[in-house]
Amino acid sequence: MEVADIEGDHTTPKGLRHGFGVRMAMQTRNPRLIQKLLGHSNLETTTISMDLVGDEARAEVVGA
Protein backbone atom coordinates (compact mmCIF):
# COMPACT_ATOMS: atom_id res chain seq x y z
CA MET A 1 0.00 0.00 0.00
CA GLU A 2 2.89 2.35 0.68
CA VAL A 3 4.35 1.82 -2.80
CA ALA A 4 0.92 2.44 -4.39
CA ASP A 5 0.47 5.49 -2.12
CA ILE A 6 -2.90 4.22 -0.87
CA GLU A 7 -3.94 5.30 2.61
CA GLY A 8 -6.94 5.17 4.92
CA ASP A 9 -9.90 2.82 4.99
CA HIS A 10 -9.11 1.46 1.53
CA THR A 11 -6.01 -0.29 2.87
CA THR A 12 -7.95 -2.77 5.00
CA PRO A 13 -9.09 -6.16 3.71
CA LYS A 14 -12.69 -4.97 4.01
CA GLY A 15 -11.89 -1.78 2.10
CA LEU A 16 -10.13 -3.69 -0.67
CA ARG A 17 -13.01 -6.15 -0.97
CA HIS A 18 -15.56 -3.36 -1.05
CA GLY A 19 -13.54 -1.52 -3.69
CA PHE A 20 -13.46 -4.67 -5.80
CA GLY A 21 -17.24 -5.03 -5.46
CA VAL A 22 -17.86 -1.44 -6.51
CA ARG A 23 -15.45 -1.81 -9.43
CA MET A 24 -17.24 -4.96 -10.57
CA ALA A 25 -20.58 -3.18 -10.30
CA MET A 26 -19.20 -0.48 -12.58
CA GLN A 27 -18.16 -3.11 -15.12
CA THR A 28 -21.31 -5.23 -15.13
CA ARG A 29 -24.91 -4.81 -14.05
CA ASN A 30 -25.21 -8.54 -13.33
CA PRO A 31 -25.76 -8.79 -9.56
CA ARG A 32 -25.57 -12.60 -9.55
CA LEU A 33 -22.07 -12.51 -11.05
CA ILE A 34 -20.90 -9.99 -8.47
CA GLN A 35 -22.56 -12.03 -5.71
CA LYS A 36 -20.65 -15.11 -6.83
CA LEU A 37 -17.30 -13.30 -7.11
CA LEU A 38 -17.65 -11.75 -3.66
CA GLY A 39 -18.99 -14.94 -2.09
CA HIS A 40 -22.12 -13.27 -0.71
CA SER A 41 -24.80 -15.69 0.43
CA ASN A 42 -27.45 -12.96 0.33
CA LEU A 43 -28.08 -10.98 -2.87
CA GLU A 44 -29.15 -7.96 -0.81
CA THR A 45 -25.57 -7.61 0.42
CA THR A 46 -24.37 -7.47 -3.18
CA THR A 47 -26.87 -4.82 -4.19
CA ILE A 48 -25.29 -2.41 -1.69
CA SER A 49 -22.27 -2.09 -4.00
CA MET A 50 -24.50 -1.75 -7.03
CA ASP A 51 -26.55 0.98 -5.33
CA LEU A 52 -23.36 2.91 -4.61
CA VAL A 53 -22.45 2.81 -8.28
CA GLY A 54 -25.92 4.09 -9.11
CA ASP A 55 -25.44 6.99 -6.69
CA GLU A 56 -22.05 7.81 -8.23
CA ALA A 57 -23.50 7.74 -11.74
CA ARG A 58 -26.43 9.94 -10.69
CA ALA A 59 -24.02 12.41 -9.07
CA GLU A 60 -22.01 12.62 -12.29
CA VAL A 61 -25.12 13.26 -14.37
CA VAL A 62 -26.45 15.88 -11.97
CA GLY A 63 -23.03 17.52 -11.69
CA ALA A 64 -22.56 17.69 -15.48
PDB file of N, CA and C in Angstrom:
ATOM      1  N   MET A   1       0.821  -1.184   0.000  1.00  0.00           N
ATOM      2  CA  MET A   1       0.000   0.000   0.000  1.00  0.00           C
ATOM      3  C   MET A   1       0.872   1.257   0.000  1.00  0.00           C
ATOM      4  N   GLU A   2       2.015   1.189   0.672  1.00  0.00           N
ATOM      5  CA  GLU A   2       2.889   2.355   0.677  1.00  0.00           C
ATOM      6  C   GLU A   2       3.406   2.657  -0.721  1.00  0.00           C
ATOM      7  N   VAL A   3       3.815   1.624  -1.454  1.00  0.00           N
ATOM      8  CA  VAL A   3       4.347   1.815  -2.804  1.00  0.00           C
ATOM      9  C   VAL A   3       3.276   2.399  -3.719  1.00  0.00           C
ATOM     10  N   ALA A   4       2.022   1.945  -3.560  1.00  0.00           N
ATOM     11  CA  ALA A   4       0.919   2.442  -4.385  1.00  0.00           C
ATOM     12  C   ALA A   4       0.380   3.777  -3.883  1.00  0.00           C
ATOM     13  N   ASP A   5       0.897   4.239  -2.738  1.00  0.00           N
ATOM     14  CA  ASP A   5       0.466   5.493  -2.123  1.00  0.00           C
ATOM     15  C   ASP A   5      -1.040   5.484  -1.824  1.00  0.00           C
ATOM     16  N   ILE A   6      -1.494   4.366  -1.258  1.00  0.00           N
ATOM     17  CA  ILE A   6      -2.897   4.216  -0.873  1.00  0.00           C
ATOM     18  C   ILE A   6      -2.957   4.269   0.644  1.00  0.00           C
ATOM     19  N   GLU A   7      -3.820   5.123   1.169  1.00  0.00           N
ATOM     20  CA  GLU A   7      -3.944   5.304   2.615  1.00  0.00           C
ATOM     21  C   GLU A   7      -5.393   5.201   3.047  1.00  0.00           C
ATOM     22  N   GLY A   8      -5.604   5.106   4.343  1.00  0.00           N
ATOM     23  CA  GLY A   8      -6.938   5.171   4.918  1.00  0.00           C
ATOM     24  C   GLY A   8      -7.692   3.860   4.901  1.00  0.00           C
ATOM     25  N   ASP A   9      -9.026   3.980   4.897  1.00  0.00           N
ATOM     26  CA  ASP A   9      -9.905   2.820   4.992  1.00  0.00           C
ATOM     27  C   ASP A   9      -9.729   1.834   3.844  1.00  0.00           C
ATOM     28  N   HIS A  10      -9.252   2.317   2.696  1.00  0.00           N
ATOM     29  CA  HIS A  10      -9.110   1.459   1.527  1.00  0.00           C
ATOM     30  C   HIS A  10      -7.997   0.433   1.696  1.00  0.00           C
ATOM     31  N   THR A  11      -7.143   0.609   2.697  1.00  0.00           N
ATOM     32  CA  THR A  11      -6.009  -0.294   2.869  1.00  0.00           C
ATOM     33  C   THR A  11      -6.354  -1.529   3.699  1.00  0.00           C
ATOM     34  N   THR A  12      -7.548  -1.606   4.215  1.00  0.00           N
ATOM     35  CA  THR A  12      -7.950  -2.765   5.004  1.00  0.00           C
ATOM     36  C   THR A  12      -8.487  -3.854   4.080  1.00  0.00           C
ATOM     37  N   PRO A  13      -8.484  -5.104   4.526  1.00  0.00           N
ATOM     38  CA  PRO A  13      -9.091  -6.158   3.708  1.00  0.00           C
ATOM     39  C   PRO A  13     -10.536  -5.848   3.335  1.00  0.00           C
ATOM     40  N   LYS A  14     -11.302  -5.324   4.287  1.00  0.00           N
ATOM     41  CA  LYS A  14     -12.690  -4.969   4.013  1.00  0.00           C
ATOM     42  C   LYS A  14     -12.767  -3.867   2.956  1.00  0.00           C
ATOM     43  N   GLY A  15     -11.909  -2.874   3.065  1.00  0.00           N
ATOM     44  CA  GLY A  15     -11.892  -1.783   2.098  1.00  0.00           C
ATOM     45  C   GLY A  15     -11.520  -2.255   0.702  1.00  0.00           C
ATOM     46  N   LEU A  16     -10.536  -3.145   0.622  1.00  0.00           N
ATOM     47  CA  LEU A  16     -10.132  -3.686  -0.673  1.00  0.00           C
ATOM     48  C   LEU A  16     -11.251  -4.511  -1.299  1.00  0.00           C
ATOM     49  N   ARG A  17     -11.906  -5.316  -0.484  1.00  0.00           N
ATOM     50  CA  ARG A  17     -13.007  -6.154  -0.969  1.00  0.00           C
ATOM     51  C   ARG A  17     -14.174  -5.285  -1.445  1.00  0.00           C
ATOM     52  N   HIS A  18     -14.483  -4.262  -0.673  1.00  0.00           N
ATOM     53  CA  HIS A  18     -15.565  -3.356  -1.049  1.00  0.00           C
ATOM     54  C   HIS A  18     -15.220  -2.635  -2.361  1.00  0.00           C
ATOM     55  N   GLY A  19     -13.979  -2.182  -2.470  1.00  0.00           N
ATOM     56  CA  GLY A  19     -13.540  -1.520  -3.688  1.00  0.00           C
ATOM     57  C   GLY A  19     -13.661  -2.431  -4.907  1.00  0.00           C
ATOM     58  N   PHE A  20     -13.320  -3.699  -4.717  1.00  0.00           N
ATOM     59  CA  PHE A  20     -13.464  -4.671  -5.798  1.00  0.00           C
ATOM     60  C   PHE A  20     -14.928  -4.812  -6.189  1.00  0.00           C
ATOM     61  N   GLY A  21     -15.810  -4.894  -5.195  1.00  0.00           N
ATOM     62  CA  GLY A  21     -17.242  -5.030  -5.463  1.00  0.00           C
ATOM     63  C   GLY A  21     -17.797  -3.845  -6.224  1.00  0.00           C
ATOM     64  N   VAL A  22     -17.394  -2.644  -5.828  1.00  0.00           N
ATOM     65  CA  VAL A  22     -17.857  -1.438  -6.512  1.00  0.00           C
ATOM     66  C   VAL A  22     -17.317  -1.415  -7.931  1.00  0.00           C
ATOM     67  N   ARG A  23     -16.054  -1.780  -8.090  1.00  0.00           N
ATOM     68  CA  ARG A  23     -15.452  -1.808  -9.434  1.00  0.00           C
ATOM     69  C   ARG A  23     -16.179  -2.806 -10.334  1.00  0.00           C
ATOM     70  N   MET A  24     -16.502  -3.964  -9.792  1.00  0.00           N
ATOM     71  CA  MET A  24     -17.237  -4.963 -10.569  1.00  0.00           C
ATOM     72  C   MET A  24     -18.625  -4.437 -10.940  1.00  0.00           C
ATOM     73  N   ALA A  25     -19.257  -3.739 -10.027  1.00  0.00           N
ATOM     74  CA  ALA A  25     -20.582  -3.181 -10.303  1.00  0.00           C
ATOM     75  C   ALA A  25     -20.509  -2.127 -11.403  1.00  0.00           C
ATOM     76  N   MET A  26     -19.377  -1.456 -11.520  1.00  0.00           N
ATOM     77  CA  MET A  26     -19.196  -0.482 -12.581  1.00  0.00           C
ATOM     78  C   MET A  26     -19.001  -1.175 -13.930  1.00  0.00           C
ATOM     79  N   GLN A  27     -18.451  -2.380 -13.894  1.00  0.00           N
ATOM     80  CA  GLN A  27     -18.156  -3.114 -15.124  1.00  0.00           C
ATOM     81  C   GLN A  27     -19.343  -3.924 -15.636  1.00  0.00           C
ATOM     82  N   THR A  28     -20.183  -4.401 -14.735  1.00  0.00           N
ATOM     83  CA  THR A  28     -21.314  -5.234 -15.128  1.00  0.00           C
ATOM     84  C   THR A  28     -22.523  -4.880 -14.280  1.00  0.00           C
ATOM     85  N   ARG A  29     -23.686  -5.027 -14.829  1.00  0.00           N
ATOM     86  CA  ARG A  29     -24.911  -4.808 -14.054  1.00  0.00           C
ATOM     87  C   ARG A  29     -25.544  -6.148 -13.698  1.00  0.00           C
ATOM     88  N   ASN A  30     -24.736  -7.206 -13.648  1.00  0.00           N
ATOM     89  CA  ASN A  30     -25.207  -8.543 -13.327  1.00  0.00           C
ATOM     90  C   ASN A  30     -24.964  -8.815 -11.840  1.00  0.00           C
ATOM     91  N   PRO A  31     -25.971  -8.618 -10.999  1.00  0.00           N
ATOM     92  CA  PRO A  31     -25.763  -8.787  -9.556  1.00  0.00           C
ATOM     93  C   PRO A  31     -25.412 -10.219  -9.161  1.00  0.00           C
ATOM     94  N   ARG A  32     -25.888 -11.198  -9.889  1.00  0.00           N
ATOM     95  CA  ARG A  32     -25.571 -12.596  -9.554  1.00  0.00           C
ATOM     96  C   ARG A  32     -24.089 -12.891  -9.770  1.00  0.00           C
ATOM     97  N   LEU A  33     -23.498 -12.326 -10.806  1.00  0.00           N
ATOM     98  CA  LEU A  33     -22.066 -12.509 -11.048  1.00  0.00           C
ATOM     99  C   LEU A  33     -21.254 -11.887  -9.921  1.00  0.00           C
ATOM    100  N   ILE A  34     -21.607 -10.671  -9.549  1.00  0.00           N
ATOM    101  CA  ILE A  34     -20.896  -9.990  -8.466  1.00  0.00           C
ATOM    102  C   ILE A  34     -21.075 -10.755  -7.159  1.00  0.00           C
ATOM    103  N   GLN A  35     -22.285 -11.239  -6.913  1.00  0.00           N
ATOM    104  CA  GLN A  35     -22.559 -12.032  -5.711  1.00  0.00           C
ATOM    105  C   GLN A  35     -21.641 -13.243  -5.662  1.00  0.00           C
ATOM    106  N   LYS A  36     -21.498 -13.914  -6.773  1.00  0.00           N
ATOM    107  CA  LYS A  36     -20.652 -15.111  -6.831  1.00  0.00           C
ATOM    108  C   LYS A  36     -19.189 -14.751  -6.598  1.00  0.00           C
ATOM    109  N   LEU A  37     -18.706 -13.690  -7.245  1.00  0.00           N
ATOM    110  CA  LEU A  37     -17.305 -13.304  -7.107  1.00  0.00           C
ATOM    111  C   LEU A  37     -16.951 -12.862  -5.692  1.00  0.00           C
ATOM    112  N   LEU A  38     -17.898 -12.208  -5.016  1.00  0.00           N
ATOM    113  CA  LEU A  38     -17.645 -11.746  -3.656  1.00  0.00           C
ATOM    114  C   LEU A  38     -17.970 -12.803  -2.604  1.00  0.00           C
ATOM    115  N   GLY A  39     -18.657 -13.874  -3.025  1.00  0.00           N
ATOM    116  CA  GLY A  39     -18.992 -14.939  -2.087  1.00  0.00           C
ATOM    117  C   GLY A  39     -20.121 -14.573  -1.137  1.00  0.00           C
ATOM    118  N   HIS A  40     -20.984 -13.645  -1.550  1.00  0.00           N
ATOM    119  CA  HIS A  40     -22.120 -13.267  -0.710  1.00  0.00           C
ATOM    120  C   HIS A  40     -23.181 -14.370  -0.748  1.00  0.00           C
ATOM    121  N   SER A  41     -23.709 -14.718   0.399  1.00  0.00           N
ATOM    122  CA  SER A  41     -24.799 -15.693   0.430  1.00  0.00           C
ATOM    123  C   SER A  41     -26.141 -15.008   0.191  1.00  0.00           C
ATOM    124  N   ASN A  42     -26.211 -13.712   0.461  1.00  0.00           N
ATOM    125  CA  ASN A  42     -27.445 -12.960   0.330  1.00  0.00           C
ATOM    126  C   ASN A  42     -27.287 -11.907  -0.775  1.00  0.00           C
ATOM    127  N   LEU A  43     -28.166 -11.928  -1.755  1.00  0.00           N
ATOM    128  CA  LEU A  43     -28.084 -10.977  -2.866  1.00  0.00           C
ATOM    129  C   LEU A  43     -28.243  -9.530  -2.403  1.00  0.00           C
ATOM    130  N   GLU A  44     -28.968  -9.322  -1.320  1.00  0.00           N
ATOM    131  CA  GLU A  44     -29.151  -7.958  -0.806  1.00  0.00           C
ATOM    132  C   GLU A  44     -27.820  -7.329  -0.422  1.00  0.00           C
ATOM    133  N   THR A  45     -26.896  -8.123   0.075  1.00  0.00           N
ATOM    134  CA  THR A  45     -25.569  -7.613   0.419  1.00  0.00           C
ATOM    135  C   THR A  45     -24.860  -7.120  -0.830  1.00  0.00           C
ATOM    136  N   THR A  46     -25.010  -7.837  -1.911  1.00  0.00           N
ATOM    137  CA  THR A  46     -24.372  -7.466  -3.181  1.00  0.00           C
ATOM    138  C   THR A  46     -24.956  -6.182  -3.734  1.00  0.00           C
ATOM    139  N   THR A  47     -26.236  -5.997  -3.597  1.00  0.00           N
ATOM    140  CA  THR A  47     -26.869  -4.817  -4.193  1.00  0.00           C
ATOM    141  C   THR A  47     -26.414  -3.519  -3.520  1.00  0.00           C
ATOM    142  N   ILE A  48     -25.836  -3.613  -2.343  1.00  0.00           N
ATOM    143  CA  ILE A  48     -25.293  -2.412  -1.686  1.00  0.00           C
ATOM    144  C   ILE A  48     -24.227  -1.790  -2.578  1.00  0.00           C
ATOM    145  N   SER A  49     -23.312  -2.599  -3.101  1.00  0.00           N
ATOM    146  CA  SER A  49     -22.269  -2.085  -3.995  1.00  0.00           C
ATOM    147  C   SER A  49     -22.874  -1.529  -5.264  1.00  0.00           C
ATOM    148  N   MET A  50     -23.875  -2.205  -5.785  1.00  0.00           N
ATOM    149  CA  MET A  50     -24.498  -1.751  -7.026  1.00  0.00           C
ATOM    150  C   MET A  50     -25.246  -0.442  -6.806  1.00  0.00           C
ATOM    151  N   ASP A  51     -25.861  -0.276  -5.638  1.00  0.00           N
ATOM    152  CA  ASP A  51     -26.546   0.976  -5.335  1.00  0.00           C
ATOM    153  C   ASP A  51     -25.557   2.131  -5.239  1.00  0.00           C
ATOM    154  N   LEU A  52     -24.376   1.869  -4.696  1.00  0.00           N
ATOM    155  CA  LEU A  52     -23.358   2.911  -4.612  1.00  0.00           C
ATOM    156  C   LEU A  52     -22.945   3.384  -5.995  1.00  0.00           C
ATOM    157  N   VAL A  53     -22.802   2.443  -6.910  1.00  0.00           N
ATOM    158  CA  VAL A  53     -22.449   2.812  -8.279  1.00  0.00           C
ATOM    159  C   VAL A  53     -23.563   3.649  -8.892  1.00  0.00           C
ATOM    160  N   GLY A  54     -24.798   3.294  -8.622  1.00  0.00           N
ATOM    161  CA  GLY A  54     -25.922   4.085  -9.114  1.00  0.00           C
ATOM    162  C   GLY A  54     -25.877   5.500  -8.573  1.00  0.00           C
ATOM    163  N   ASP A  55     -25.543   5.652  -7.290  1.00  0.00           N
ATOM    164  CA  ASP A  55     -25.435   6.990  -6.689  1.00  0.00           C
ATOM    165  C   ASP A  55     -24.329   7.785  -7.343  1.00  0.00           C
ATOM    166  N   GLU A  56     -23.168   7.129  -7.592  1.00  0.00           N
ATOM    167  CA  GLU A  56     -22.053   7.813  -8.227  1.00  0.00           C
ATOM    168  C   GLU A  56     -22.426   8.259  -9.630  1.00  0.00           C
ATOM    169  N   ALA A  57     -23.096   7.406 -10.376  1.00  0.00           N
ATOM    170  CA  ALA A  57     -23.502   7.741 -11.743  1.00  0.00           C
ATOM    171  C   ALA A  57     -24.499   8.893 -11.735  1.00  0.00           C
ATOM    172  N   ARG A  58     -25.462   8.843 -10.790  1.00  0.00           N
ATOM    173  CA  ARG A  58     -26.427   9.939 -10.691  1.00  0.00           C
ATOM    174  C   ARG A  58     -25.730  11.254 -10.343  1.00  0.00           C
ATOM    175  N   ALA A  59     -24.742  11.198  -9.460  1.00  0.00           N
ATOM    176  CA  ALA A  59     -24.015  12.409  -9.074  1.00  0.00           C
ATOM    177  C   ALA A  59     -23.266  12.993 -10.260  1.00  0.00           C
ATOM    178  N   GLU A  60     -22.714  12.135 -11.114  1.00  0.00           N
ATOM    179  CA  GLU A  60     -22.013  12.622 -12.294  1.00  0.00           C
ATOM    180  C   GLU A  60     -22.974  13.279 -13.266  1.00  0.00           C
ATOM    181  N   VAL A  61     -24.136  12.702 -13.449  1.00  0.00           N
ATOM    182  CA  VAL A  61     -25.120  13.256 -14.370  1.00  0.00           C
ATOM    183  C   VAL A  61     -25.640  14.586 -13.845  1.00  0.00           C
ATOM    184  N   VAL A  62     -25.936  14.648 -12.558  1.00  0.00           N
ATOM    185  CA  VAL A  62     -26.454  15.875 -11.972  1.00  0.00           C
ATOM    186  C   VAL A  62     -25.384  16.963 -11.983  1.00  0.00           C
ATOM    187  N   GLY A  63     -24.135  16.560 -11.734  1.00  0.00           N
ATOM    188  CA  GLY A  63     -23.031  17.519 -11.690  1.00  0.00           C
ATOM    189  C   GLY A  63     -22.604  18.014 -13.057  1.00  0.00           C
ATOM    190  N   ALA A  64     -23.013  17.313 -14.117  1.00  0.00           N
ATOM    191  CA  ALA A  64     -22.561  17.692 -15.476  1.00  0.00           C
ATOM    192  C   ALA A  64     -23.318  18.881 -16.008  1.00  0.00           C
TER     193      ALA A  64
END
